[in-house]
Amino acid sequence: MTDIVGEIITLVIMAAALGMDAFSVGLGMGMYKLRLRKIFEIGLTIGLFHVIMPLAGILAGKLLSDKFGDLASWVGGLLLIVLGMQMIWSSLKKEAESVITPIGFGLLAFALSVSLDSFSVGLTLGIYGAKTAFVLLCFGIVATVQTWAGLLLGRKVRGWLGAYSEALGGAILLAFGIKMLSTFF
């Protein structure tokens, strides 16, 4: 029972860390006058991409796990560490960025850009044999809610929290990667 609770807590925290990109970019995008209907659409699109990308990663991870075992686990831990460090680095070196218009192709590009890291995490989860349906549901719901929160908060506040939230997300992923690698020592 405690294993299930621990797994749920871990996945929710990981989903929140991955959704920090969507939240922080949503903060900036939310400063533009978006209608609530558009905010709803953006959140659902981001949530859908946070289901598709980890699913692709999980499928690839299961394939790697069957073929390479412990080596794949090492790679998964290293991927999380690199991804976490990259998120922290990009939050520190942010310059003025042009915001993608959240319409049509721009919305798809935005959704893809904030969900690419979910593929790497999905790869790691596939290697470890995580419960696919629960992972996808968790990632999709959390990303959708965080996107909505970022967009709505962005309507009220200027982008003071954006870089900090991405750095926090990176630190969480970095910590999970280190934890995964520590099981080998």
N, C-alpha and C. Protein backbone atom coordinates (compact mmCIF):
# COMPACT_ATOMS: atom_id res chain seq x y z
N MET A 1 0.83 -1.20 0.00
CA MET A 1 0.00 0.00 0.00
C MET A 1 0.87 1.27 0.00
N THR A 2 1.93 1.26 0.84
CA THR A 2 2.79 2.45 0.89
C THR A 2 3.57 2.62 -0.41
N ASP A 3 3.82 1.49 -1.12
CA ASP A 3 4.49 1.59 -2.42
C ASP A 3 3.61 2.32 -3.42
N ILE A 4 2.32 2.04 -3.40
CA ILE A 4 1.38 2.68 -4.33
C ILE A 4 1.27 4.17 -4.02
N VAL A 5 1.15 4.51 -2.74
CA VAL A 5 1.07 5.92 -2.34
C VAL A 5 2.34 6.65 -2.73
N GLY A 6 3.49 6.03 -2.50
CA GLY A 6 4.77 6.63 -2.87
C GLY A 6 4.87 6.85 -4.37
N GLU A 7 4.39 5.87 -5.14
CA GLU A 7 4.42 6.01 -6.61
C GLU A 7 3.50 7.13 -7.08
N ILE A 8 2.33 7.24 -6.46
CA ILE A 8 1.39 8.31 -6.82
C ILE A 8 2.00 9.67 -6.51
N ILE A 9 2.58 9.81 -5.33
CA ILE A 9 3.19 11.08 -4.94
C ILE A 9 4.34 11.42 -5.89
N THR A 10 5.16 10.44 -6.20
CA THR A 10 6.29 10.67 -7.11
C THR A 10 5.81 11.12 -8.48
N LEU A 11 4.79 10.45 -9.02
CA LEU A 11 4.29 10.81 -10.35
C LEU A 11 3.64 12.19 -10.36
N VAL A 12 2.92 12.53 -9.32
CA VAL A 12 2.30 13.87 -9.26
C VAL A 12 3.37 14.95 -9.19
N ILE A 13 4.39 14.73 -8.38
CA ILE A 13 5.49 15.71 -8.29
C ILE A 13 6.21 15.82 -9.63
N MET A 14 6.46 14.67 -10.26
CA MET A 14 7.13 14.68 -11.56
C MET A 14 6.26 15.39 -12.61
N ALA A 15 4.97 15.14 -12.59
CA ALA A 15 4.05 15.80 -13.53
C ALA A 15 4.04 17.30 -13.29
N ALA A 16 4.07 17.71 -12.03
CA ALA A 16 4.10 19.14 -11.71
C ALA A 16 5.41 19.77 -12.20
N ALA A 17 6.51 19.04 -12.04
CA ALA A 17 7.79 19.57 -12.51
C ALA A 17 7.78 19.74 -14.03
N LEU A 18 7.23 18.77 -14.73
CA LEU A 18 7.16 18.86 -16.18
C LEU A 18 6.21 19.96 -16.64
N GLY A 19 5.17 20.21 -15.88
CA GLY A 19 4.20 21.24 -16.23
C GLY A 19 4.67 22.65 -15.94
N MET A 20 5.82 22.79 -15.27
CA MET A 20 6.33 24.13 -14.95
C MET A 20 6.64 24.93 -16.21
N ASP A 21 7.11 24.27 -17.27
CA ASP A 21 7.34 24.98 -18.54
C ASP A 21 6.05 25.59 -19.05
N ALA A 22 5.01 24.77 -19.06
CA ALA A 22 3.71 25.25 -19.55
C ALA A 22 3.18 26.37 -18.66
N PHE A 23 3.40 26.24 -17.36
CA PHE A 23 2.95 27.28 -16.43
C PHE A 23 3.69 28.58 -16.68
N SER A 24 5.02 28.49 -16.78
CA SER A 24 5.81 29.72 -16.92
C SER A 24 5.58 30.40 -18.26
N VAL A 25 5.49 29.62 -19.33
CA VAL A 25 5.21 30.22 -20.63
C VAL A 25 3.77 30.74 -20.66
N GLY A 26 2.87 30.02 -19.99
CA GLY A 26 1.49 30.49 -19.88
C GLY A 26 1.38 31.81 -19.14
N LEU A 27 2.26 32.03 -18.17
CA LEU A 27 2.27 33.32 -17.47
C LEU A 27 2.52 34.46 -18.45
N GLY A 28 3.54 34.29 -19.27
CA GLY A 28 3.85 35.33 -20.25
C GLY A 28 2.76 35.50 -21.28
N MET A 29 2.26 34.37 -21.78
CA MET A 29 1.22 34.42 -22.80
C MET A 29 -0.09 34.96 -22.22
N GLY A 30 -0.32 34.69 -20.95
CA GLY A 30 -1.54 35.15 -20.31
C GLY A 30 -1.62 36.66 -20.16
N MET A 31 -0.49 37.34 -20.32
CA MET A 31 -0.50 38.80 -20.23
C MET A 31 -1.13 39.44 -21.46
N TYR A 32 -1.25 38.65 -22.52
CA TYR A 32 -1.99 39.13 -23.68
C TYR A 32 -3.46 38.89 -23.40
N LYS A 33 -4.29 39.72 -23.94
CA LYS A 33 -5.72 39.60 -23.66
C LYS A 33 -6.28 38.39 -24.40
N LEU A 34 -6.33 37.27 -23.71
CA LEU A 34 -6.89 36.05 -24.27
C LEU A 34 -8.28 35.85 -23.68
N ARG A 35 -9.19 35.40 -24.52
CA ARG A 35 -10.53 35.09 -24.05
C ARG A 35 -10.47 33.79 -23.25
N LEU A 36 -11.41 33.61 -22.35
CA LEU A 36 -11.43 32.41 -21.52
C LEU A 36 -11.57 31.15 -22.38
N ARG A 37 -12.29 31.24 -23.47
CA ARG A 37 -12.43 30.09 -24.37
C ARG A 37 -11.06 29.70 -24.96
N LYS A 38 -10.25 30.67 -25.33
CA LYS A 38 -8.92 30.40 -25.87
C LYS A 38 -8.02 29.81 -24.78
N ILE A 39 -8.13 30.32 -23.56
CA ILE A 39 -7.36 29.77 -22.44
C ILE A 39 -7.74 28.31 -22.22
N PHE A 40 -9.02 28.00 -22.29
CA PHE A 40 -9.50 26.62 -22.15
C PHE A 40 -8.90 25.73 -23.23
N GLU A 41 -8.93 26.21 -24.48
CA GLU A 41 -8.40 25.46 -25.62
C GLU A 41 -6.89 25.23 -25.49
N ILE A 42 -6.17 26.25 -25.09
CA ILE A 42 -4.71 26.13 -24.92
C ILE A 42 -4.40 25.08 -23.86
N GLY A 43 -5.09 25.13 -22.73
CA GLY A 43 -4.86 24.16 -21.65
C GLY A 43 -5.11 22.73 -22.09
N LEU A 44 -6.21 22.50 -22.82
CA LEU A 44 -6.50 21.15 -23.29
C LEU A 44 -5.45 20.66 -24.30
N THR A 45 -5.00 21.56 -25.16
CA THR A 45 -3.99 21.18 -26.15
C THR A 45 -2.68 20.81 -25.46
N ILE A 46 -2.26 21.62 -24.50
CA ILE A 46 -1.03 21.32 -23.75
C ILE A 46 -1.18 19.99 -23.01
N GLY A 47 -2.33 19.79 -22.38
CA GLY A 47 -2.58 18.53 -21.67
C GLY A 47 -2.51 17.33 -22.61
N LEU A 48 -3.06 17.46 -23.81
CA LEU A 48 -3.02 16.38 -24.78
C LEU A 48 -1.58 16.06 -25.19
N PHE A 49 -0.78 17.09 -25.40
CA PHE A 49 0.63 16.86 -25.76
C PHE A 49 1.40 16.25 -24.59
N HIS A 50 0.99 16.56 -23.35
CA HIS A 50 1.64 15.95 -22.19
C HIS A 50 1.15 14.52 -21.97
N VAL A 51 0.24 14.04 -22.80
CA VAL A 51 -0.14 12.64 -22.83
C VAL A 51 0.58 11.93 -23.98
N ILE A 52 0.59 12.56 -25.15
CA ILE A 52 1.19 11.96 -26.35
C ILE A 52 2.70 11.77 -26.19
N MET A 53 3.40 12.81 -25.74
CA MET A 53 4.86 12.74 -25.66
C MET A 53 5.35 11.70 -24.65
N PRO A 54 4.80 11.66 -23.42
CA PRO A 54 5.29 10.61 -22.52
C PRO A 54 4.89 9.21 -22.99
N LEU A 55 3.73 9.09 -23.68
CA LEU A 55 3.34 7.78 -24.20
C LEU A 55 4.40 7.28 -25.19
N ALA A 56 4.82 8.15 -26.09
CA ALA A 56 5.88 7.78 -27.03
C ALA A 56 7.16 7.41 -26.28
N GLY A 57 7.49 8.18 -25.24
CA GLY A 57 8.67 7.88 -24.44
C GLY A 57 8.55 6.57 -23.68
N ILE A 58 7.38 6.31 -23.12
CA ILE A 58 7.16 5.06 -22.37
C ILE A 58 7.31 3.86 -23.29
N LEU A 59 6.72 3.94 -24.48
CA LEU A 59 6.83 2.83 -25.43
C LEU A 59 8.29 2.58 -25.81
N ALA A 60 9.02 3.66 -26.07
CA ALA A 60 10.44 3.53 -26.40
C ALA A 60 11.22 2.99 -25.19
N GLY A 61 10.87 3.45 -23.99
CA GLY A 61 11.54 3.01 -22.77
C GLY A 61 11.33 1.53 -22.49
N LYS A 62 10.11 1.05 -22.73
CA LYS A 62 9.85 -0.38 -22.52
C LYS A 62 10.66 -1.22 -23.49
N LEU A 63 10.79 -0.76 -24.71
CA LEU A 63 11.60 -1.47 -25.69
C LEU A 63 13.06 -1.51 -25.24
N LEU A 64 13.57 -0.36 -24.78
CA LEU A 64 14.96 -0.32 -24.29
C LEU A 64 15.16 -1.20 -23.06
N SER A 65 14.17 -1.17 -22.17
CA SER A 65 14.27 -1.93 -20.93
C SER A 65 14.37 -3.43 -21.21
N ASP A 66 13.57 -3.90 -22.16
CA ASP A 66 13.61 -5.32 -22.50
C ASP A 66 14.96 -5.71 -23.08
N LYS A 67 15.59 -4.81 -23.80
CA LYS A 67 16.83 -5.13 -24.50
C LYS A 67 18.08 -4.88 -23.66
N PHE A 68 18.05 -3.83 -22.81
CA PHE A 68 19.29 -3.41 -22.17
C PHE A 68 19.29 -3.38 -20.65
N GLY A 69 18.17 -3.60 -19.99
CA GLY A 69 18.10 -3.73 -18.54
C GLY A 69 18.71 -2.58 -17.75
N ASP A 70 19.77 -2.87 -16.95
CA ASP A 70 20.38 -1.87 -16.07
C ASP A 70 20.98 -0.69 -16.83
N LEU A 71 21.53 -0.95 -17.99
CA LEU A 71 22.08 0.15 -18.79
C LEU A 71 20.99 1.17 -19.12
N ALA A 72 19.80 0.69 -19.43
CA ALA A 72 18.69 1.59 -19.73
C ALA A 72 18.29 2.40 -18.49
N SER A 73 18.39 1.78 -17.31
CA SER A 73 18.08 2.51 -16.07
C SER A 73 19.08 3.64 -15.84
N TRP A 74 20.34 3.37 -16.09
CA TRP A 74 21.37 4.42 -15.98
C TRP A 74 21.07 5.55 -16.93
N VAL A 75 20.75 5.20 -18.17
CA VAL A 75 20.45 6.22 -19.18
C VAL A 75 19.25 7.05 -18.75
N GLY A 76 18.22 6.40 -18.21
CA GLY A 76 17.04 7.13 -17.74
C GLY A 76 17.37 8.13 -16.65
N GLY A 77 18.17 7.70 -15.67
CA GLY A 77 18.58 8.61 -14.60
C GLY A 77 19.40 9.78 -15.14
N LEU A 78 20.32 9.47 -16.04
CA LEU A 78 21.14 10.53 -16.64
C LEU A 78 20.29 11.50 -17.47
N LEU A 79 19.28 10.98 -18.17
CA LEU A 79 18.39 11.85 -18.94
C LEU A 79 17.67 12.84 -18.03
N LEU A 80 17.17 12.36 -16.89
CA LEU A 80 16.49 13.26 -15.96
C LEU A 80 17.45 14.32 -15.42
N ILE A 81 18.68 13.93 -15.12
CA ILE A 81 19.66 14.89 -14.61
C ILE A 81 19.96 15.95 -15.67
N VAL A 82 20.21 15.50 -16.90
CA VAL A 82 20.51 16.45 -17.98
C VAL A 82 19.32 17.36 -18.25
N LEU A 83 18.12 16.78 -18.28
CA LEU A 83 16.93 17.58 -18.52
C LEU A 83 16.73 18.60 -17.41
N GLY A 84 16.90 18.19 -16.16
CA GLY A 84 16.76 19.12 -15.04
C GLY A 84 17.78 20.24 -15.10
N MET A 85 19.04 19.90 -15.42
CA MET A 85 20.08 20.92 -15.52
C MET A 85 19.79 21.88 -16.68
N GLN A 86 19.28 21.34 -17.79
CA GLN A 86 18.95 22.18 -18.94
C GLN A 86 17.84 23.16 -18.59
N MET A 87 16.82 22.69 -17.86
CA MET A 87 15.73 23.57 -17.46
C MET A 87 16.23 24.68 -16.54
N ILE A 88 17.10 24.32 -15.60
CA ILE A 88 17.66 25.33 -14.69
C ILE A 88 18.50 26.33 -15.47
N TRP A 89 19.35 25.83 -16.36
CA TRP A 89 20.22 26.70 -17.17
C TRP A 89 19.40 27.65 -18.03
N SER A 90 18.37 27.12 -18.69
CA SER A 90 17.58 27.99 -19.56
C SER A 90 16.80 29.03 -18.77
N SER A 91 16.45 28.72 -17.53
CA SER A 91 15.74 29.72 -16.72
C SER A 91 16.68 30.83 -16.28
N LEU A 92 17.98 30.52 -16.16
CA LEU A 92 18.96 31.52 -15.74
C LEU A 92 19.39 32.43 -16.89
N LYS A 93 19.39 31.92 -18.11
CA LYS A 93 19.89 32.70 -19.23
C LYS A 93 18.79 33.27 -20.12
N LYS A 94 17.57 33.29 -19.61
CA LYS A 94 16.46 33.79 -20.41
C LYS A 94 16.66 35.24 -20.80
N GLU A 95 16.44 35.48 -22.06
CA GLU A 95 16.42 36.84 -22.58
C GLU A 95 14.99 37.11 -23.03
N ALA A 96 14.76 38.28 -23.50
CA ALA A 96 13.43 38.59 -24.00
C ALA A 96 13.11 37.65 -25.15
N GLU A 97 12.02 36.92 -25.01
CA GLU A 97 11.62 35.97 -26.02
C GLU A 97 10.35 36.46 -26.70
N SER A 98 10.24 36.14 -27.98
CA SER A 98 8.99 36.46 -28.63
C SER A 98 8.01 35.34 -28.32
N VAL A 99 6.80 35.69 -28.01
CA VAL A 99 5.80 34.72 -27.63
C VAL A 99 5.10 34.21 -28.89
N ILE A 100 4.96 32.89 -28.97
CA ILE A 100 4.26 32.28 -30.09
C ILE A 100 2.78 32.59 -29.94
N THR A 101 2.14 32.97 -31.03
CA THR A 101 0.71 33.23 -30.99
C THR A 101 -0.02 31.91 -30.83
N PRO A 102 -0.90 31.78 -29.83
CA PRO A 102 -1.54 30.50 -29.55
C PRO A 102 -2.74 30.21 -30.45
N ILE A 103 -2.52 30.27 -31.76
CA ILE A 103 -3.59 30.01 -32.72
C ILE A 103 -3.05 29.07 -33.79
N GLY A 104 -3.81 28.04 -34.15
CA GLY A 104 -3.43 27.13 -35.23
C GLY A 104 -2.07 26.49 -35.02
N PHE A 105 -1.19 26.66 -36.01
CA PHE A 105 0.15 26.06 -35.96
C PHE A 105 0.94 26.60 -34.76
N GLY A 106 0.76 27.87 -34.43
CA GLY A 106 1.47 28.45 -33.28
C GLY A 106 1.11 27.74 -31.99
N LEU A 107 -0.15 27.36 -31.83
CA LEU A 107 -0.59 26.64 -30.64
C LEU A 107 0.05 25.25 -30.60
N LEU A 108 0.11 24.58 -31.76
CA LEU A 108 0.74 23.25 -31.80
C LEU A 108 2.24 23.35 -31.51
N ALA A 109 2.90 24.37 -32.05
CA ALA A 109 4.33 24.56 -31.79
C ALA A 109 4.56 24.85 -30.31
N PHE A 110 3.70 25.67 -29.73
CA PHE A 110 3.79 25.99 -28.31
C PHE A 110 3.61 24.72 -27.47
N ALA A 111 2.58 23.93 -27.79
CA ALA A 111 2.30 22.71 -27.04
C ALA A 111 3.46 21.72 -27.16
N LEU A 112 4.01 21.59 -28.35
CA LEU A 112 5.14 20.68 -28.55
C LEU A 112 6.36 21.15 -27.77
N SER A 113 6.63 22.44 -27.81
CA SER A 113 7.84 22.97 -27.16
C SER A 113 7.81 22.79 -25.65
N VAL A 114 6.63 22.90 -25.03
CA VAL A 114 6.57 22.75 -23.57
C VAL A 114 6.35 21.31 -23.14
N SER A 115 6.19 20.39 -24.10
CA SER A 115 5.98 19.00 -23.72
C SER A 115 7.10 18.06 -24.18
N LEU A 116 8.12 18.60 -24.84
CA LEU A 116 9.22 17.75 -25.30
C LEU A 116 9.93 17.03 -24.16
N ASP A 117 10.07 17.72 -23.04
CA ASP A 117 10.74 17.10 -21.90
C ASP A 117 9.95 15.91 -21.36
N SER A 118 8.64 15.87 -21.62
CA SER A 118 7.81 14.74 -21.19
C SER A 118 8.20 13.46 -21.89
N PHE A 119 8.74 13.57 -23.11
CA PHE A 119 9.19 12.37 -23.82
C PHE A 119 10.33 11.71 -23.05
N SER A 120 11.31 12.51 -22.64
CA SER A 120 12.46 11.96 -21.91
C SER A 120 12.03 11.31 -20.60
N VAL A 121 11.13 11.98 -19.90
CA VAL A 121 10.66 11.41 -18.63
C VAL A 121 9.85 10.15 -18.91
N GLY A 122 9.04 10.16 -19.97
CA GLY A 122 8.29 8.96 -20.35
C GLY A 122 9.23 7.82 -20.68
N LEU A 123 10.34 8.12 -21.32
CA LEU A 123 11.35 7.11 -21.64
C LEU A 123 11.85 6.46 -20.35
N THR A 124 12.16 7.29 -19.38
CA THR A 124 12.64 6.78 -18.09
C THR A 124 11.58 5.95 -17.40
N LEU A 125 10.34 6.43 -17.41
CA LEU A 125 9.25 5.70 -16.76
C LEU A 125 8.98 4.37 -17.46
N GLY A 126 9.14 4.35 -18.78
CA GLY A 126 8.98 3.10 -19.52
C GLY A 126 10.05 2.09 -19.15
N ILE A 127 11.25 2.58 -18.92
CA ILE A 127 12.35 1.71 -18.52
C ILE A 127 12.04 1.07 -17.17
N TYR A 128 11.45 1.85 -16.27
CA TYR A 128 11.13 1.34 -14.94
C TYR A 128 9.79 0.62 -14.86
N GLY A 129 9.05 0.56 -15.96
CA GLY A 129 7.79 -0.18 -15.99
C GLY A 129 6.67 0.50 -15.22
N ALA A 130 6.60 1.81 -15.28
CA ALA A 130 5.51 2.53 -14.60
C ALA A 130 4.17 2.17 -15.23
N LYS A 131 3.11 2.36 -14.48
CA LYS A 131 1.75 2.08 -14.96
C LYS A 131 1.35 3.15 -15.97
N THR A 132 1.32 2.77 -17.22
CA THR A 132 1.17 3.70 -18.34
C THR A 132 -0.08 4.56 -18.23
N ALA A 133 -1.24 3.95 -18.00
CA ALA A 133 -2.50 4.71 -17.97
C ALA A 133 -2.48 5.76 -16.88
N PHE A 134 -1.97 5.40 -15.70
CA PHE A 134 -1.94 6.35 -14.60
C PHE A 134 -0.97 7.50 -14.88
N VAL A 135 0.19 7.16 -15.44
CA VAL A 135 1.18 8.19 -15.78
C VAL A 135 0.58 9.19 -16.76
N LEU A 136 -0.04 8.69 -17.82
CA LEU A 136 -0.59 9.58 -18.85
C LEU A 136 -1.72 10.44 -18.30
N LEU A 137 -2.60 9.84 -17.51
CA LEU A 137 -3.69 10.60 -16.91
C LEU A 137 -3.15 11.69 -15.99
N CYS A 138 -2.20 11.33 -15.17
CA CYS A 138 -1.59 12.28 -14.23
C CYS A 138 -0.90 13.41 -14.97
N PHE A 139 -0.05 13.08 -15.95
CA PHE A 139 0.67 14.11 -16.70
C PHE A 139 -0.29 15.02 -17.45
N GLY A 140 -1.30 14.45 -18.08
CA GLY A 140 -2.26 15.25 -18.85
C GLY A 140 -3.05 16.21 -17.99
N ILE A 141 -3.58 15.72 -16.88
CA ILE A 141 -4.40 16.56 -15.99
C ILE A 141 -3.55 17.66 -15.36
N VAL A 142 -2.39 17.30 -14.84
CA VAL A 142 -1.55 18.28 -14.16
C VAL A 142 -1.09 19.36 -15.15
N ALA A 143 -0.67 18.96 -16.35
CA ALA A 143 -0.23 19.95 -17.35
C ALA A 143 -1.36 20.88 -17.76
N THR A 144 -2.55 20.33 -17.92
CA THR A 144 -3.71 21.15 -18.30
C THR A 144 -4.00 22.17 -17.21
N VAL A 145 -4.06 21.73 -15.97
CA VAL A 145 -4.37 22.62 -14.85
C VAL A 145 -3.28 23.68 -14.68
N GLN A 146 -2.00 23.27 -14.81
CA GLN A 146 -0.91 24.24 -14.67
C GLN A 146 -0.92 25.26 -15.81
N THR A 147 -1.26 24.83 -17.00
CA THR A 147 -1.35 25.77 -18.11
C THR A 147 -2.46 26.78 -17.86
N TRP A 148 -3.62 26.28 -17.47
CA TRP A 148 -4.73 27.19 -17.16
C TRP A 148 -4.33 28.16 -16.06
N ALA A 149 -3.68 27.64 -15.01
CA ALA A 149 -3.26 28.50 -13.90
C ALA A 149 -2.29 29.58 -14.37
N GLY A 150 -1.32 29.19 -15.19
CA GLY A 150 -0.36 30.17 -15.72
C GLY A 150 -1.03 31.23 -16.57
N LEU A 151 -1.91 30.81 -17.45
CA LEU A 151 -2.60 31.76 -18.33
C LEU A 151 -3.48 32.71 -17.52
N LEU A 152 -4.22 32.17 -16.57
CA LEU A 152 -5.11 33.01 -15.76
C LEU A 152 -4.32 33.94 -14.84
N LEU A 153 -3.26 33.42 -14.25
CA LEU A 153 -2.44 34.26 -13.38
C LEU A 153 -1.72 35.32 -14.20
N GLY A 154 -1.31 34.95 -15.41
CA GLY A 154 -0.66 35.91 -16.30
C GLY A 154 -1.56 37.08 -16.65
N ARG A 155 -2.85 36.84 -16.63
CA ARG A 155 -3.80 37.93 -16.87
C ARG A 155 -3.77 38.94 -15.73
N LYS A 156 -3.41 38.46 -14.55
CA LYS A 156 -3.43 39.32 -13.35
C LYS A 156 -2.07 39.90 -12.98
N VAL A 157 -1.01 39.17 -13.28
CA VAL A 157 0.32 39.52 -12.79
C VAL A 157 1.28 39.64 -13.97
N ARG A 158 2.33 40.39 -13.81
CA ARG A 158 3.40 40.43 -14.81
C ARG A 158 4.28 39.21 -14.60
N GLY A 159 5.17 38.89 -15.50
CA GLY A 159 5.91 37.63 -15.51
C GLY A 159 6.98 37.46 -14.45
N TRP A 160 6.78 37.89 -13.22
CA TRP A 160 7.81 37.81 -12.19
C TRP A 160 8.10 36.39 -11.73
N LEU A 161 7.20 35.44 -11.91
CA LEU A 161 7.41 34.09 -11.39
C LEU A 161 7.93 33.13 -12.45
N GLY A 162 7.86 33.48 -13.72
CA GLY A 162 8.15 32.56 -14.82
C GLY A 162 9.49 31.85 -14.70
N ALA A 163 10.57 32.55 -14.60
CA ALA A 163 11.90 31.93 -14.56
C ALA A 163 12.07 31.08 -13.31
N TYR A 164 11.52 31.51 -12.19
CA TYR A 164 11.67 30.74 -10.96
C TYR A 164 10.93 29.42 -11.04
N SER A 165 9.75 29.40 -11.68
CA SER A 165 9.00 28.15 -11.76
C SER A 165 9.72 27.15 -12.65
N GLU A 166 10.33 27.57 -13.73
CA GLU A 166 11.07 26.66 -14.60
C GLU A 166 12.31 26.12 -13.88
N ALA A 167 12.99 26.96 -13.10
CA ALA A 167 14.15 26.51 -12.34
C ALA A 167 13.73 25.49 -11.28
N LEU A 168 12.59 25.72 -10.64
CA LEU A 168 12.08 24.77 -9.65
C LEU A 168 11.77 23.43 -10.31
N GLY A 169 11.12 23.46 -11.46
CA GLY A 169 10.82 22.23 -12.19
C GLY A 169 12.09 21.48 -12.54
N GLY A 170 13.12 22.20 -13.00
CA GLY A 170 14.40 21.59 -13.32
C GLY A 170 15.06 20.96 -12.11
N ALA A 171 14.99 21.64 -10.97
CA ALA A 171 15.59 21.11 -9.74
C ALA A 171 14.90 19.81 -9.30
N ILE A 172 13.59 19.75 -9.47
CA ILE A 172 12.85 18.54 -9.11
C ILE A 172 13.28 17.37 -10.00
N LEU A 173 13.34 17.61 -11.31
CA LEU A 173 13.76 16.54 -12.22
C LEU A 173 15.20 16.10 -11.95
N LEU A 174 16.07 17.07 -11.65
CA LEU A 174 17.46 16.77 -11.31
C LEU A 174 17.51 15.87 -10.08
N ALA A 175 16.72 16.19 -9.07
CA ALA A 175 16.70 15.40 -7.84
C ALA A 175 16.21 13.97 -8.12
N PHE A 176 15.18 13.82 -8.95
CA PHE A 176 14.71 12.47 -9.28
C PHE A 176 15.78 11.68 -10.04
N GLY A 177 16.49 12.34 -10.94
CA GLY A 177 17.56 11.67 -11.67
C GLY A 177 18.67 11.19 -10.74
N ILE A 178 19.06 12.05 -9.80
CA ILE A 178 20.09 11.67 -8.83
C ILE A 178 19.59 10.52 -7.96
N LYS A 179 18.33 10.56 -7.56
CA LYS A 179 17.76 9.49 -6.75
C LYS A 179 17.79 8.18 -7.51
N MET A 180 17.45 8.22 -8.80
CA MET A 180 17.46 7.00 -9.61
C MET A 180 18.86 6.41 -9.71
N LEU A 181 19.85 7.27 -9.93
CA LEU A 181 21.24 6.79 -10.04
C LEU A 181 21.78 6.31 -8.70
N SER A 182 21.29 6.89 -7.61
CA SER A 182 21.80 6.50 -6.28
C SER A 182 21.42 5.07 -5.93
N THR A 183 20.41 4.50 -6.58
CA THR A 183 20.05 3.12 -6.29
C THR A 183 21.12 2.13 -6.75
N PHE A 184 22.04 2.59 -7.60
CA PHE A 184 23.11 1.73 -8.08
C PHE A 184 24.33 1.76 -7.16
N PHE A 185 24.34 2.66 -6.18
CA PHE A 185 25.50 2.79 -5.31
C PHE A 185 25.22 2.31 -3.92
